[in-house]
Amino acid sequence: MLKWAYPLAESLLAEPLPRRWNHCLGVAERARTISLILGQDAELLEVAAVLHDIGYAPDLAKTGFHPLDGARYLRDVAQADERVTNLVAHHSCAWMEADARGLREELEHEFPRESAPLNDALCYCDMNTTPDGTPTNPIDRINEITGRYGPDSLIGTFIRRAEPEILACTSRVLERVADAKRQPM
């Protein structure tokens, strides 16, 4: 799946949205850093990570809600693995933004959520990566998003509402990584 995902994401994002492409590369890099807690789902997470923001691509943006637009493209056009599509649809507390946009029922009807550990892992990777693809922490990332969109915007309001869950996802992932590192080889 990796040999397919990277060129697809690059073809959709690199030219029209180079910063978004760099972000996706950074999110995929974060996914590789936590692969020890994912077992056979490590590749699945990296694929979802590199594809998670393709819904921003100008040719794909239909609803203006990038998780839904990206997931629909992956399902309807790219015939992607269903689990990848579901992860993209629900990345980083997307249900809360979908709720604010009046799209929650549509999102949840079309795309079931994957397991909590995988959703946590993708949220962790996304929220620990700057728009330029470098590592950060979720507090700085949330502040950056709020600053970029404005605190009273739909995105600014959503990200502040999602902050407790984003921080909880990060905490759960870091606990799993610490536990895995403590396990004897």
N, C-alpha and C. Protein backbone atom coordinates (compact mmCIF):
# COMPACT_ATOMS: atom_id res chain seq x y z
N MET A 1 0.82 -1.21 0.00
CA MET A 1 0.00 0.00 0.00
C MET A 1 0.86 1.27 0.00
N LEU A 2 2.02 1.22 0.63
CA LEU A 2 2.87 2.42 0.69
C LEU A 2 3.31 2.88 -0.69
N LYS A 3 3.63 1.93 -1.56
CA LYS A 3 4.09 2.28 -2.91
C LYS A 3 2.99 2.97 -3.72
N TRP A 4 1.77 2.77 -3.33
CA TRP A 4 0.63 3.40 -3.99
C TRP A 4 0.29 4.74 -3.34
N ALA A 5 0.35 4.80 -2.01
CA ALA A 5 -0.14 5.96 -1.27
C ALA A 5 0.71 7.21 -1.46
N TYR A 6 2.02 7.08 -1.37
CA TYR A 6 2.88 8.26 -1.49
C TYR A 6 2.74 8.95 -2.84
N PRO A 7 2.83 8.22 -3.96
CA PRO A 7 2.65 8.90 -5.26
C PRO A 7 1.27 9.52 -5.42
N LEU A 8 0.24 8.85 -4.89
CA LEU A 8 -1.11 9.41 -4.98
C LEU A 8 -1.19 10.73 -4.22
N ALA A 9 -0.76 10.75 -2.98
CA ALA A 9 -0.81 11.98 -2.19
C ALA A 9 0.04 13.07 -2.85
N GLU A 10 1.21 12.71 -3.32
CA GLU A 10 2.08 13.68 -3.97
C GLU A 10 1.42 14.27 -5.21
N SER A 11 0.77 13.43 -6.01
CA SER A 11 0.13 13.92 -7.24
C SER A 11 -1.01 14.89 -6.95
N LEU A 12 -1.65 14.74 -5.81
CA LEU A 12 -2.78 15.59 -5.45
C LEU A 12 -2.37 16.86 -4.71
N LEU A 13 -1.26 16.80 -3.97
CA LEU A 13 -0.92 17.91 -3.07
C LEU A 13 0.36 18.67 -3.40
N ALA A 14 1.37 18.00 -3.94
CA ALA A 14 2.70 18.61 -4.04
C ALA A 14 2.71 19.91 -4.83
N GLU A 15 2.05 19.94 -5.96
CA GLU A 15 2.08 21.16 -6.77
C GLU A 15 1.10 22.23 -6.27
N PRO A 16 -0.18 21.90 -6.08
CA PRO A 16 -1.10 22.97 -5.68
C PRO A 16 -0.95 23.40 -4.22
N LEU A 17 -0.51 22.48 -3.35
CA LEU A 17 -0.44 22.75 -1.91
C LEU A 17 0.85 22.17 -1.31
N PRO A 18 2.01 22.72 -1.68
CA PRO A 18 3.28 22.13 -1.23
C PRO A 18 3.44 22.08 0.29
N ARG A 19 2.93 23.07 0.98
CA ARG A 19 3.05 23.05 2.44
C ARG A 19 2.21 21.90 3.02
N ARG A 20 1.04 21.71 2.48
CA ARG A 20 0.17 20.61 2.94
C ARG A 20 0.84 19.27 2.64
N TRP A 21 1.52 19.15 1.50
CA TRP A 21 2.24 17.94 1.15
C TRP A 21 3.37 17.70 2.17
N ASN A 22 4.11 18.74 2.53
CA ASN A 22 5.17 18.60 3.53
C ASN A 22 4.58 18.16 4.88
N HIS A 23 3.42 18.70 5.23
CA HIS A 23 2.76 18.29 6.46
C HIS A 23 2.44 16.79 6.41
N CYS A 24 1.88 16.34 5.32
CA CYS A 24 1.53 14.92 5.19
C CYS A 24 2.76 14.02 5.29
N LEU A 25 3.85 14.45 4.69
CA LEU A 25 5.11 13.69 4.81
C LEU A 25 5.56 13.63 6.26
N GLY A 26 5.44 14.74 6.98
CA GLY A 26 5.81 14.77 8.39
C GLY A 26 4.91 13.89 9.24
N VAL A 27 3.62 13.87 8.94
CA VAL A 27 2.67 13.03 9.68
C VAL A 27 3.02 11.55 9.45
N ALA A 28 3.36 11.21 8.22
CA ALA A 28 3.78 9.83 7.92
C ALA A 28 5.06 9.48 8.66
N GLU A 29 5.96 10.43 8.76
CA GLU A 29 7.20 10.21 9.52
C GLU A 29 6.89 9.95 11.00
N ARG A 30 5.95 10.73 11.57
CA ARG A 30 5.54 10.48 12.96
C ARG A 30 4.97 9.08 13.08
N ALA A 31 4.22 8.63 12.08
CA ALA A 31 3.63 7.28 12.12
C ALA A 31 4.72 6.22 12.22
N ARG A 32 5.80 6.42 11.49
CA ARG A 32 6.91 5.45 11.54
C ARG A 32 7.55 5.43 12.94
N THR A 33 7.53 6.56 13.64
CA THR A 33 8.17 6.60 14.95
C THR A 33 7.39 5.84 16.02
N ILE A 34 6.12 5.56 15.76
CA ILE A 34 5.32 4.81 16.75
C ILE A 34 4.93 3.42 16.23
N SER A 35 5.60 2.97 15.20
CA SER A 35 5.23 1.68 14.59
C SER A 35 5.33 0.52 15.58
N LEU A 36 6.18 0.63 16.60
CA LEU A 36 6.34 -0.46 17.56
C LEU A 36 5.05 -0.77 18.32
N ILE A 37 4.11 0.17 18.40
CA ILE A 37 2.86 -0.09 19.12
C ILE A 37 1.74 -0.54 18.18
N LEU A 38 2.01 -0.61 16.89
CA LEU A 38 0.94 -0.87 15.92
C LEU A 38 0.95 -2.27 15.32
N GLY A 39 2.04 -2.99 15.51
CA GLY A 39 2.10 -4.34 14.96
C GLY A 39 1.82 -4.36 13.48
N GLN A 40 0.93 -5.23 13.06
CA GLN A 40 0.63 -5.37 11.64
C GLN A 40 -0.15 -4.19 11.07
N ASP A 41 -0.60 -3.26 11.89
CA ASP A 41 -1.29 -2.06 11.41
C ASP A 41 -0.34 -0.88 11.18
N ALA A 42 0.95 -1.08 11.34
CA ALA A 42 1.91 0.01 11.17
C ALA A 42 1.86 0.58 9.75
N GLU A 43 1.83 -0.26 8.75
CA GLU A 43 1.76 0.22 7.38
C GLU A 43 0.43 0.93 7.11
N LEU A 44 -0.64 0.37 7.62
CA LEU A 44 -1.97 0.99 7.47
C LEU A 44 -1.96 2.42 8.01
N LEU A 45 -1.37 2.62 9.18
CA LEU A 45 -1.31 3.95 9.76
C LEU A 45 -0.47 4.89 8.90
N GLU A 46 0.67 4.43 8.43
CA GLU A 46 1.51 5.30 7.61
C GLU A 46 0.81 5.69 6.32
N VAL A 47 0.09 4.75 5.72
CA VAL A 47 -0.67 5.05 4.50
C VAL A 47 -1.73 6.11 4.80
N ALA A 48 -2.50 5.91 5.86
CA ALA A 48 -3.52 6.90 6.23
C ALA A 48 -2.89 8.25 6.55
N ALA A 49 -1.72 8.22 7.17
CA ALA A 49 -1.04 9.46 7.54
C ALA A 49 -0.65 10.27 6.31
N VAL A 50 -0.08 9.63 5.32
CA VAL A 50 0.35 10.38 4.13
C VAL A 50 -0.85 10.84 3.30
N LEU A 51 -1.99 10.17 3.44
CA LEU A 51 -3.18 10.52 2.67
C LEU A 51 -4.19 11.38 3.44
N HIS A 52 -3.99 11.60 4.72
CA HIS A 52 -5.05 12.15 5.56
C HIS A 52 -5.58 13.52 5.11
N ASP A 53 -4.77 14.33 4.46
CA ASP A 53 -5.21 15.67 4.07
C ASP A 53 -5.45 15.85 2.56
N ILE A 54 -5.59 14.76 1.82
CA ILE A 54 -5.79 14.91 0.37
C ILE A 54 -7.09 15.63 0.04
N GLY A 55 -8.03 15.64 0.96
CA GLY A 55 -9.30 16.33 0.73
C GLY A 55 -9.16 17.83 0.57
N TYR A 56 -7.99 18.38 0.88
CA TYR A 56 -7.72 19.80 0.63
C TYR A 56 -7.38 20.06 -0.84
N ALA A 57 -7.02 19.03 -1.59
CA ALA A 57 -6.64 19.21 -2.99
C ALA A 57 -7.77 19.90 -3.75
N PRO A 58 -7.46 20.92 -4.52
CA PRO A 58 -8.52 21.67 -5.21
C PRO A 58 -9.46 20.80 -6.03
N ASP A 59 -8.95 19.77 -6.67
CA ASP A 59 -9.80 18.91 -7.49
C ASP A 59 -10.71 18.00 -6.67
N LEU A 60 -10.42 17.83 -5.40
CA LEU A 60 -11.21 16.93 -4.56
C LEU A 60 -12.19 17.67 -3.66
N ALA A 61 -11.93 18.93 -3.38
CA ALA A 61 -12.75 19.69 -2.43
C ALA A 61 -14.15 19.91 -2.99
N LYS A 62 -15.09 19.16 -2.45
CA LYS A 62 -16.49 19.27 -2.88
C LYS A 62 -17.37 19.88 -1.79
N THR A 63 -17.23 19.38 -0.56
CA THR A 63 -18.04 19.89 0.55
C THR A 63 -17.32 20.98 1.33
N GLY A 64 -16.00 21.07 1.17
CA GLY A 64 -15.20 21.98 1.98
C GLY A 64 -14.79 21.38 3.31
N PHE A 65 -15.19 20.15 3.56
CA PHE A 65 -14.81 19.42 4.76
C PHE A 65 -13.82 18.34 4.32
N HIS A 66 -12.54 18.61 4.49
CA HIS A 66 -11.51 17.79 3.86
C HIS A 66 -11.49 16.31 4.28
N PRO A 67 -11.83 15.94 5.52
CA PRO A 67 -11.84 14.51 5.83
C PRO A 67 -12.88 13.74 4.98
N LEU A 68 -14.04 14.33 4.80
CA LEU A 68 -15.09 13.69 4.01
C LEU A 68 -14.74 13.70 2.52
N ASP A 69 -14.25 14.82 2.03
CA ASP A 69 -13.88 14.90 0.61
C ASP A 69 -12.75 13.92 0.28
N GLY A 70 -11.75 13.84 1.14
CA GLY A 70 -10.65 12.92 0.91
C GLY A 70 -11.09 11.47 0.98
N ALA A 71 -11.90 11.13 1.97
CA ALA A 71 -12.37 9.75 2.12
C ALA A 71 -13.25 9.34 0.94
N ARG A 72 -14.10 10.23 0.48
CA ARG A 72 -14.94 9.90 -0.68
C ARG A 72 -14.09 9.66 -1.93
N TYR A 73 -13.08 10.46 -2.11
CA TYR A 73 -12.18 10.25 -3.25
C TYR A 73 -11.48 8.90 -3.14
N LEU A 74 -10.98 8.60 -1.96
CA LEU A 74 -10.29 7.33 -1.76
C LEU A 74 -11.22 6.15 -2.02
N ARG A 75 -12.44 6.24 -1.57
CA ARG A 75 -13.42 5.16 -1.76
C ARG A 75 -13.89 5.08 -3.20
N ASP A 76 -14.32 6.21 -3.76
CA ASP A 76 -15.02 6.21 -5.05
C ASP A 76 -14.11 6.21 -6.26
N VAL A 77 -12.96 6.84 -6.15
CA VAL A 77 -12.07 6.98 -7.30
C VAL A 77 -10.85 6.08 -7.18
N ALA A 78 -10.19 6.13 -6.04
CA ALA A 78 -8.94 5.39 -5.87
C ALA A 78 -9.15 3.94 -5.44
N GLN A 79 -10.39 3.57 -5.09
CA GLN A 79 -10.70 2.23 -4.60
C GLN A 79 -9.71 1.79 -3.50
N ALA A 80 -9.49 2.68 -2.56
CA ALA A 80 -8.55 2.43 -1.47
C ALA A 80 -9.10 1.41 -0.49
N ASP A 81 -8.20 0.86 0.29
CA ASP A 81 -8.56 -0.04 1.37
C ASP A 81 -9.58 0.67 2.28
N GLU A 82 -10.61 -0.05 2.66
CA GLU A 82 -11.69 0.54 3.46
C GLU A 82 -11.18 1.09 4.79
N ARG A 83 -10.24 0.43 5.40
CA ARG A 83 -9.73 0.90 6.68
C ARG A 83 -8.96 2.22 6.52
N VAL A 84 -8.20 2.35 5.45
CA VAL A 84 -7.50 3.61 5.18
C VAL A 84 -8.52 4.72 5.00
N THR A 85 -9.54 4.45 4.21
CA THR A 85 -10.59 5.43 3.94
C THR A 85 -11.27 5.86 5.23
N ASN A 86 -11.56 4.91 6.10
CA ASN A 86 -12.22 5.23 7.37
C ASN A 86 -11.32 6.07 8.27
N LEU A 87 -10.04 5.75 8.29
CA LEU A 87 -9.10 6.55 9.10
C LEU A 87 -9.01 7.98 8.58
N VAL A 88 -8.93 8.14 7.27
CA VAL A 88 -8.89 9.48 6.68
C VAL A 88 -10.17 10.25 7.03
N ALA A 89 -11.30 9.59 6.93
CA ALA A 89 -12.59 10.23 7.20
C ALA A 89 -12.69 10.74 8.63
N HIS A 90 -12.09 10.03 9.56
CA HIS A 90 -12.27 10.36 10.97
C HIS A 90 -11.03 10.92 11.65
N HIS A 91 -10.02 11.32 10.87
CA HIS A 91 -8.77 11.74 11.51
C HIS A 91 -8.94 13.00 12.37
N SER A 92 -8.22 12.98 13.47
CA SER A 92 -8.09 14.14 14.35
C SER A 92 -9.43 14.74 14.78
N CYS A 93 -10.29 13.89 15.33
CA CYS A 93 -11.59 14.32 15.89
C CYS A 93 -12.49 14.94 14.83
N ALA A 94 -12.43 14.42 13.62
CA ALA A 94 -13.23 14.97 12.52
C ALA A 94 -14.72 15.01 12.84
N TRP A 95 -15.21 14.07 13.65
CA TRP A 95 -16.63 14.06 13.96
C TRP A 95 -17.08 15.37 14.60
N MET A 96 -16.19 16.00 15.39
CA MET A 96 -16.56 17.27 16.03
C MET A 96 -16.70 18.39 15.00
N GLU A 97 -15.77 18.42 14.04
CA GLU A 97 -15.89 19.42 12.99
C GLU A 97 -17.09 19.12 12.10
N ALA A 98 -17.31 17.85 11.81
CA ALA A 98 -18.47 17.46 11.00
C ALA A 98 -19.76 17.91 11.69
N ASP A 99 -19.81 17.77 12.99
CA ASP A 99 -20.97 18.21 13.76
C ASP A 99 -21.20 19.71 13.58
N ALA A 100 -20.13 20.48 13.66
CA ALA A 100 -20.23 21.93 13.51
C ALA A 100 -20.66 22.32 12.09
N ARG A 101 -20.35 21.49 11.12
CA ARG A 101 -20.70 21.76 9.73
C ARG A 101 -22.04 21.14 9.31
N GLY A 102 -22.68 20.43 10.22
CA GLY A 102 -23.93 19.76 9.88
C GLY A 102 -23.72 18.53 9.02
N LEU A 103 -22.52 17.93 9.10
CA LEU A 103 -22.18 16.78 8.26
C LEU A 103 -21.89 15.51 9.08
N ARG A 104 -22.13 15.55 10.35
CA ARG A 104 -21.77 14.40 11.19
C ARG A 104 -22.53 13.14 10.80
N GLU A 105 -23.82 13.24 10.62
CA GLU A 105 -24.61 12.07 10.26
C GLU A 105 -24.13 11.47 8.93
N GLU A 106 -23.86 12.34 7.97
CA GLU A 106 -23.35 11.91 6.67
C GLU A 106 -22.00 11.19 6.82
N LEU A 107 -21.09 11.78 7.58
CA LEU A 107 -19.77 11.20 7.80
C LEU A 107 -19.88 9.82 8.45
N GLU A 108 -20.63 9.75 9.52
CA GLU A 108 -20.72 8.50 10.26
C GLU A 108 -21.52 7.43 9.53
N HIS A 109 -22.45 7.83 8.69
CA HIS A 109 -23.21 6.86 7.90
C HIS A 109 -22.34 6.23 6.81
N GLU A 110 -21.52 7.05 6.17
CA GLU A 110 -20.70 6.56 5.06
C GLU A 110 -19.43 5.86 5.51
N PHE A 111 -18.86 6.28 6.64
CA PHE A 111 -17.55 5.79 7.04
C PHE A 111 -17.54 5.40 8.52
N PRO A 112 -17.53 4.11 8.81
CA PRO A 112 -17.42 3.69 10.21
C PRO A 112 -16.04 4.00 10.77
N ARG A 113 -15.99 4.24 12.06
CA ARG A 113 -14.70 4.52 12.70
C ARG A 113 -13.89 3.23 12.86
N GLU A 114 -12.60 3.38 12.73
CA GLU A 114 -11.67 2.28 13.01
C GLU A 114 -11.48 2.19 14.52
N SER A 115 -10.68 1.26 14.95
CA SER A 115 -10.45 1.05 16.38
C SER A 115 -9.88 2.32 17.03
N ALA A 116 -10.18 2.48 18.29
CA ALA A 116 -9.70 3.65 19.02
C ALA A 116 -8.18 3.77 19.00
N PRO A 117 -7.42 2.67 19.18
CA PRO A 117 -5.96 2.84 19.14
C PRO A 117 -5.45 3.39 17.80
N LEU A 118 -6.05 2.99 16.70
CA LEU A 118 -5.61 3.52 15.39
C LEU A 118 -6.03 4.97 15.22
N ASN A 119 -7.25 5.30 15.62
CA ASN A 119 -7.68 6.70 15.55
C ASN A 119 -6.81 7.58 16.44
N ASP A 120 -6.50 7.09 17.64
CA ASP A 120 -5.60 7.82 18.53
C ASP A 120 -4.25 8.05 17.86
N ALA A 121 -3.73 7.01 17.24
CA ALA A 121 -2.40 7.08 16.64
C ALA A 121 -2.36 8.10 15.51
N LEU A 122 -3.39 8.13 14.66
CA LEU A 122 -3.40 9.10 13.56
C LEU A 122 -3.56 10.52 14.11
N CYS A 123 -4.39 10.70 15.10
CA CYS A 123 -4.54 12.02 15.73
C CYS A 123 -3.21 12.46 16.33
N TYR A 124 -2.54 11.56 17.03
CA TYR A 124 -1.23 11.86 17.61
C TYR A 124 -0.26 12.34 16.52
N CYS A 125 -0.20 11.60 15.43
CA CYS A 125 0.75 11.94 14.36
C CYS A 125 0.42 13.31 13.75
N ASP A 126 -0.85 13.57 13.50
CA ASP A 126 -1.27 14.83 12.90
C ASP A 126 -1.04 16.01 13.84
N MET A 127 -1.39 15.84 15.08
CA MET A 127 -1.32 16.94 16.04
C MET A 127 0.07 17.14 16.64
N ASN A 128 1.01 16.32 16.24
CA ASN A 128 2.40 16.49 16.66
C ASN A 128 3.29 16.83 15.48
N THR A 129 2.67 17.41 14.42
CA THR A 129 3.38 17.78 13.20
C THR A 129 2.93 19.18 12.78
N THR A 130 3.90 20.05 12.51
CA THR A 130 3.58 21.42 12.06
C THR A 130 3.06 21.40 10.62
N PRO A 131 2.52 22.52 10.16
CA PRO A 131 2.12 22.61 8.76
C PRO A 131 3.28 22.39 7.78
N ASP A 132 4.49 22.62 8.24
CA ASP A 132 5.67 22.42 7.38
C ASP A 132 6.25 21.02 7.49
N GLY A 133 5.68 20.18 8.36
CA GLY A 133 6.12 18.80 8.46
C GLY A 133 7.11 18.49 9.56
N THR A 134 7.44 19.47 10.38
CA THR A 134 8.40 19.23 11.46
C THR A 134 7.67 18.83 12.74
N PRO A 135 8.37 18.15 13.65
CA PRO A 135 7.73 17.75 14.91
C PRO A 135 7.34 18.96 15.75
N THR A 136 6.27 18.81 16.49
CA THR A 136 5.80 19.82 17.43
C THR A 136 5.11 19.09 18.57
N ASN A 137 4.34 19.80 19.34
CA ASN A 137 3.52 19.19 20.39
C ASN A 137 2.08 19.63 20.17
N PRO A 138 1.11 18.92 20.73
CA PRO A 138 -0.29 19.25 20.43
C PRO A 138 -0.74 20.62 20.92
N ILE A 139 -0.19 21.12 22.01
CA ILE A 139 -0.57 22.46 22.49
C ILE A 139 -0.17 23.52 21.47
N ASP A 140 1.09 23.46 21.03
CA ASP A 140 1.55 24.42 20.02
C ASP A 140 0.78 24.26 18.71
N ARG A 141 0.47 23.03 18.35
CA ARG A 141 -0.27 22.78 17.10
C ARG A 141 -1.68 23.36 17.19
N ILE A 142 -2.34 23.15 18.28
CA ILE A 142 -3.70 23.70 18.46
C ILE A 142 -3.65 25.23 18.43
N ASN A 143 -2.67 25.81 19.10
CA ASN A 143 -2.52 27.27 19.09
C ASN A 143 -2.23 27.78 17.68
N GLU A 144 -1.42 27.05 16.93
CA GLU A 144 -1.11 27.44 15.54
C GLU A 144 -2.37 27.41 14.69
N ILE A 145 -3.16 26.36 14.82
CA ILE A 145 -4.40 26.23 14.04
C ILE A 145 -5.36 27.35 14.41
N THR A 146 -5.52 27.60 15.70
CA THR A 146 -6.41 28.67 16.16
C THR A 146 -5.95 30.02 15.61
N GLY A 147 -4.65 30.26 15.65
CA GLY A 147 -4.10 31.52 15.13
C GLY A 147 -4.28 31.65 13.63
N ARG A 148 -4.10 30.56 12.91
CA ARG A 148 -4.21 30.61 11.45
C ARG A 148 -5.65 30.88 11.00
N TYR A 149 -6.60 30.25 11.65
CA TYR A 149 -8.00 30.37 11.23
C TYR A 149 -8.78 31.44 12.00
N GLY A 150 -8.29 31.80 13.17
CA GLY A 150 -9.00 32.76 14.03
C GLY A 150 -9.79 32.03 15.09
N PRO A 151 -9.79 32.54 16.32
CA PRO A 151 -10.43 31.85 17.42
C PRO A 151 -11.95 31.73 17.28
N ASP A 152 -12.57 32.65 16.54
CA ASP A 152 -14.03 32.62 16.41
C ASP A 152 -14.50 31.94 15.12
N SER A 153 -13.55 31.47 14.32
CA SER A 153 -13.92 30.76 13.09
C SER A 153 -14.44 29.37 13.42
N LEU A 154 -15.06 28.73 12.46
CA LEU A 154 -15.54 27.37 12.65
C LEU A 154 -14.38 26.45 13.05
N ILE A 155 -13.24 26.57 12.38
CA ILE A 155 -12.09 25.73 12.68
C ILE A 155 -11.50 26.08 14.05
N GLY A 156 -11.38 27.35 14.35
CA GLY A 156 -10.87 27.77 15.64
C GLY A 156 -11.73 27.27 16.79
N THR A 157 -13.04 27.36 16.63
CA THR A 157 -13.97 26.87 17.65
C THR A 157 -13.89 25.36 17.77
N PHE A 158 -13.87 24.66 16.62
CA PHE A 158 -13.78 23.20 16.63
C PHE A 158 -12.51 22.72 17.31
N ILE A 159 -11.36 23.30 16.97
CA ILE A 159 -10.09 22.78 17.49
C ILE A 159 -10.00 23.00 19.00
N ARG A 160 -10.56 24.10 19.50
CA ARG A 160 -10.57 24.32 20.95
C ARG A 160 -11.52 23.33 21.63
N ARG A 161 -12.63 23.03 20.97
CA ARG A 161 -13.56 22.03 21.53
C ARG A 161 -12.91 20.65 21.53
N ALA A 162 -12.12 20.36 20.51
CA ALA A 162 -11.47 19.05 20.38
C ALA A 162 -10.21 18.92 21.23
N GLU A 163 -9.71 20.03 21.74
CA GLU A 163 -8.43 20.02 22.46
C GLU A 163 -8.34 18.95 23.55
N PRO A 164 -9.32 18.79 24.43
CA PRO A 164 -9.20 17.75 25.46
C PRO A 164 -9.04 16.35 24.87
N GLU A 165 -9.76 16.06 23.81
CA GLU A 165 -9.64 14.73 23.18
C GLU A 165 -8.31 14.57 22.45
N ILE A 166 -7.84 15.62 21.82
CA ILE A 166 -6.53 15.57 21.15
C ILE A 166 -5.43 15.29 22.17
N LEU A 167 -5.49 15.98 23.30
CA LEU A 167 -4.51 15.76 24.35
C LEU A 167 -4.63 14.36 24.95
N ALA A 168 -5.85 13.86 25.08
CA ALA A 168 -6.06 12.50 25.58
C ALA A 168 -5.51 11.46 24.59
N CYS A 169 -5.73 11.67 23.30
CA CYS A 169 -5.18 10.77 22.27
C CYS A 169 -3.66 10.72 22.39
N THR A 170 -3.06 11.89 22.48
CA THR A 170 -1.60 11.96 22.58
C THR A 170 -1.12 11.23 23.83
N SER A 171 -1.78 11.44 24.93
CA SER A 171 -1.40 10.78 26.18
C SER A 171 -1.51 9.25 26.06
N ARG A 172 -2.61 8.77 25.47
CA ARG A 172 -2.78 7.32 25.32
C ARG A 172 -1.70 6.72 24.43
N VAL A 173 -1.36 7.42 23.34
CA VAL A 173 -0.31 6.91 22.45
C VAL A 173 1.03 6.90 23.16
N LEU A 174 1.36 7.97 23.85
CA LEU A 174 2.64 8.02 24.55
C LEU A 174 2.73 6.95 25.65
N GLU A 175 1.62 6.67 26.31
CA GLU A 175 1.59 5.59 27.30
C GLU A 175 1.86 4.24 26.64
N ARG A 176 1.25 4.01 25.48
CA ARG A 176 1.46 2.73 24.77
C ARG A 176 2.91 2.61 24.31
N VAL A 177 3.49 3.71 23.84
CA VAL A 177 4.90 3.68 23.42
C VAL A 177 5.80 3.38 24.61
N ALA A 178 5.55 4.05 25.73
CA ALA A 178 6.36 3.82 26.93
C ALA A 178 6.23 2.37 27.40
N ASP A 179 5.01 1.83 27.40
CA ASP A 179 4.79 0.44 27.80
C ASP A 179 5.55 -0.51 26.87
N ALA A 180 5.49 -0.25 25.57
CA ALA A 180 6.18 -1.11 24.59
C ALA A 180 7.68 -1.07 24.78
N LYS A 181 8.21 0.08 25.12
CA LYS A 181 9.65 0.20 25.32
C LYS A 181 10.12 -0.49 26.60
N ARG A 182 9.21 -0.62 27.57
CA ARG A 182 9.54 -1.30 28.83
C ARG A 182 9.50 -2.81 28.70
N GLN A 183 8.84 -3.31 27.66
CA GLN A 183 8.71 -4.77 27.48
C GLN A 183 10.06 -5.38 27.14
N PRO A 184 10.39 -6.51 27.77
CA PRO A 184 11.67 -7.17 27.42
C PRO A 184 11.60 -7.72 26.01
N MET A 185 12.72 -7.71 25.37
CA MET A 185 12.81 -8.21 23.98
C MET A 185 12.80 -9.71 23.94
